[in-house]
PDB file of N, CA and C in Angstrom:
ATOM      1  N   LYS A   1     -19.553 -14.929 -36.398  1.00  0.00           N
ATOM      2  CA  LYS A   1     -20.308 -15.091 -37.641  1.00  0.00           C
ATOM      3  C   LYS A   1     -19.452 -14.683 -38.842  1.00  0.00           C
ATOM      4  N   ALA A   2     -18.499 -13.807 -38.633  1.00  0.00           N
ATOM      5  CA  ALA A   2     -17.663 -13.346 -39.740  1.00  0.00           C
ATOM      6  C   ALA A   2     -16.853 -14.507 -40.322  1.00  0.00           C
ATOM      7  N   GLU A   3     -16.360 -15.380 -39.452  1.00  0.00           N
ATOM      8  CA  GLU A   3     -15.559 -16.509 -39.932  1.00  0.00           C
ATOM      9  C   GLU A   3     -16.409 -17.450 -40.774  1.00  0.00           C
ATOM     10  N   ILE A   4     -17.630 -17.708 -40.322  1.00  0.00           N
ATOM     11  CA  ILE A   4     -18.528 -18.588 -41.072  1.00  0.00           C
ATOM     12  C   ILE A   4     -18.868 -17.961 -42.413  1.00  0.00           C
ATOM     13  N   ASP A   5     -19.077 -16.650 -42.415  1.00  0.00           N
ATOM     14  CA  ASP A   5     -19.385 -15.937 -43.653  1.00  0.00           C
ATOM     15  C   ASP A   5     -18.232 -16.088 -44.647  1.00  0.00           C
ATOM     16  N   THR A   6     -17.021 -15.942 -44.151  1.00  0.00           N
ATOM     17  CA  THR A   6     -15.852 -16.069 -45.018  1.00  0.00           C
ATOM     18  C   THR A   6     -15.730 -17.493 -45.536  1.00  0.00           C
ATOM     19  N   ARG A   7     -16.014 -18.446 -44.666  1.00  0.00           N
ATOM     20  CA  ARG A   7     -15.896 -19.853 -45.059  1.00  0.00           C
ATOM     21  C   ARG A   7     -16.895 -20.192 -46.162  1.00  0.00           C
ATOM     22  N   LEU A   8     -18.082 -19.586 -46.089  1.00  0.00           N
ATOM     23  CA  LEU A   8     -19.115 -19.876 -47.084  1.00  0.00           C
ATOM     24  C   LEU A   8     -18.860 -19.133 -48.391  1.00  0.00           C
ATOM     25  N   ARG A   9     -18.379 -17.901 -48.278  1.00  0.00           N
ATOM     26  CA  ARG A   9     -18.178 -17.082 -49.483  1.00  0.00           C
ATOM     27  C   ARG A   9     -16.830 -17.350 -50.137  1.00  0.00           C
ATOM     28  N   ARG A  10     -15.793 -17.501 -49.322  1.00  0.00           N
ATOM     29  CA  ARG A  10     -14.449 -17.710 -49.869  1.00  0.00           C
ATOM     30  C   ARG A  10     -13.799 -18.933 -49.240  1.00  0.00           C
ATOM     31  N   PRO A  11     -14.228 -20.129 -49.625  1.00  0.00           N
ATOM     32  CA  PRO A  11     -13.683 -21.368 -49.050  1.00  0.00           C
ATOM     33  C   PRO A  11     -12.184 -21.512 -49.280  1.00  0.00           C
ATOM     34  N   ASP A  12     -11.687 -20.958 -50.397  1.00  0.00           N
ATOM     35  CA  ASP A  12     -10.258 -21.070 -50.675  1.00  0.00           C
ATOM     36  C   ASP A  12      -9.439 -20.280 -49.656  1.00  0.00           C
ATOM     37  N   LEU A  13      -9.895 -19.062 -49.356  1.00  0.00           N
ATOM     38  CA  LEU A  13      -9.176 -18.246 -48.377  1.00  0.00           C
ATOM     39  C   LEU A  13      -9.323 -18.829 -46.981  1.00  0.00           C
ATOM     40  N   TRP A  14     -10.509 -19.382 -46.702  1.00  0.00           N
ATOM     41  CA  TRP A  14     -10.759 -19.944 -45.378  1.00  0.00           C
ATOM     42  C   TRP A  14      -9.845 -21.135 -45.125  1.00  0.00           C
ATOM     43  N   GLU A  15      -9.752 -22.018 -46.131  1.00  0.00           N
ATOM     44  CA  GLU A  15      -8.913 -23.205 -45.970  1.00  0.00           C
ATOM     45  C   GLU A  15      -7.458 -22.808 -45.774  1.00  0.00           C
ATOM     46  N   ARG A  16      -7.021 -21.771 -46.494  1.00  0.00           N
ATOM     47  CA  ARG A  16      -5.639 -21.307 -46.354  1.00  0.00           C
ATOM     48  C   ARG A  16      -5.412 -20.762 -44.947  1.00  0.00           C
ATOM     49  N   HIS A  17      -6.412 -20.026 -44.425  1.00  0.00           N
ATOM     50  CA  HIS A  17      -6.313 -19.463 -43.083  1.00  0.00           C
ATOM     51  C   HIS A  17      -6.310 -20.573 -42.045  1.00  0.00           C
ATOM     52  N   GLU A  18      -7.204 -21.544 -42.216  1.00  0.00           N
ATOM     53  CA  GLU A  18      -7.295 -22.673 -41.286  1.00  0.00           C
ATOM     54  C   GLU A  18      -5.974 -23.436 -41.266  1.00  0.00           C
ATOM     55  N   GLY A  19      -5.413 -23.691 -42.433  1.00  0.00           N
ATOM     56  CA  GLY A  19      -4.168 -24.441 -42.519  1.00  0.00           C
ATOM     57  C   GLY A  19      -3.045 -23.730 -41.779  1.00  0.00           C
ATOM     58  N   ALA A  20      -2.979 -22.410 -41.928  1.00  0.00           N
ATOM     59  CA  ALA A  20      -1.935 -21.628 -41.272  1.00  0.00           C
ATOM     60  C   ALA A  20      -2.138 -21.639 -39.762  1.00  0.00           C
ATOM     61  N   ARG A  21      -3.400 -21.663 -39.332  1.00  0.00           N
ATOM     62  CA  ARG A  21      -3.684 -21.618 -37.901  1.00  0.00           C
ATOM     63  C   ARG A  21      -3.434 -22.976 -37.256  1.00  0.00           C
ATOM     64  N   VAL A  22      -3.801 -24.040 -37.973  1.00  0.00           N
ATOM     65  CA  VAL A  22      -3.662 -25.380 -37.407  1.00  0.00           C
ATOM     66  C   VAL A  22      -2.207 -25.837 -37.423  1.00  0.00           C
ATOM     67  N   ARG A  23      -1.507 -25.498 -38.501  1.00  0.00           N
ATOM     68  CA  ARG A  23      -0.110 -25.927 -38.623  1.00  0.00           C
ATOM     69  C   ARG A  23       0.747 -25.276 -37.544  1.00  0.00           C
ATOM     70  N   SER A  24       1.449 -26.091 -36.798  1.00  0.00           N
ATOM     71  CA  SER A  24       2.268 -25.570 -35.712  1.00  0.00           C
ATOM     72  C   SER A  24       3.553 -24.948 -36.262  1.00  0.00           C
ATOM     73  N   PRO A  25       4.142 -23.998 -35.538  1.00  0.00           N
ATOM     74  CA  PRO A  25       5.368 -23.327 -35.975  1.00  0.00           C
ATOM     75  C   PRO A  25       6.509 -24.306 -36.219  1.00  0.00           C
ATOM     76  N   SER A  26       6.499 -25.435 -35.516  1.00  0.00           N
ATOM     77  CA  SER A  26       7.573 -26.411 -35.664  1.00  0.00           C
ATOM     78  C   SER A  26       7.400 -27.231 -36.933  1.00  0.00           C
ATOM     79  N   GLY A  27       6.272 -27.047 -37.609  1.00  0.00           N
ATOM     80  CA  GLY A  27       6.029 -27.772 -38.853  1.00  0.00           C
ATOM     81  C   GLY A  27       5.778 -29.244 -38.597  1.00  0.00           C
ATOM     82  N   ALA A  28       5.067 -29.540 -37.516  1.00  0.00           N
ATOM     83  CA  ALA A  28       4.827 -30.934 -37.151  1.00  0.00           C
ATOM     84  C   ALA A  28       3.856 -31.602 -38.112  1.00  0.00           C
ATOM     85  N   ARG A  29       3.041 -30.791 -38.776  1.00  0.00           N
ATOM     86  CA  ARG A  29       2.043 -31.364 -39.687  1.00  0.00           C
ATOM     87  C   ARG A  29       2.615 -31.544 -41.088  1.00  0.00           C
ATOM     88  N   HIS A  30       2.818 -32.792 -41.495  1.00  0.00           N
ATOM     89  CA  HIS A  30       3.317 -33.074 -42.838  1.00  0.00           C
ATOM     90  C   HIS A  30       2.320 -33.903 -43.624  1.00  0.00           C
ATOM     91  N   ASP A  31       1.150 -34.157 -43.025  1.00  0.00           N
ATOM     92  CA  ASP A  31       0.162 -35.021 -43.671  1.00  0.00           C
ATOM     93  C   ASP A  31      -0.411 -34.365 -44.920  1.00  0.00           C
ATOM     94  N   GLU A  32      -0.363 -33.042 -45.002  1.00  0.00           N
ATOM     95  CA  GLU A  32      -0.946 -32.354 -46.157  1.00  0.00           C
ATOM     96  C   GLU A  32       0.037 -32.293 -47.321  1.00  0.00           C
ATOM     97  N   ASP A  33       1.312 -32.536 -47.044  1.00  0.00           N
ATOM     98  CA  ASP A  33       2.298 -32.484 -48.123  1.00  0.00           C
ATOM     99  C   ASP A  33       2.209 -33.735 -48.975  1.00  0.00           C
TER     100      ASP A  33
END
């Protein structure tokens, strides 16, 4: 529930956290650039 709370209250921080978690260490994701 804490993650959902953060997503609702601080969408900017949540999106930044999600991006860091989804993006692989090899930097395979370039679609957001």
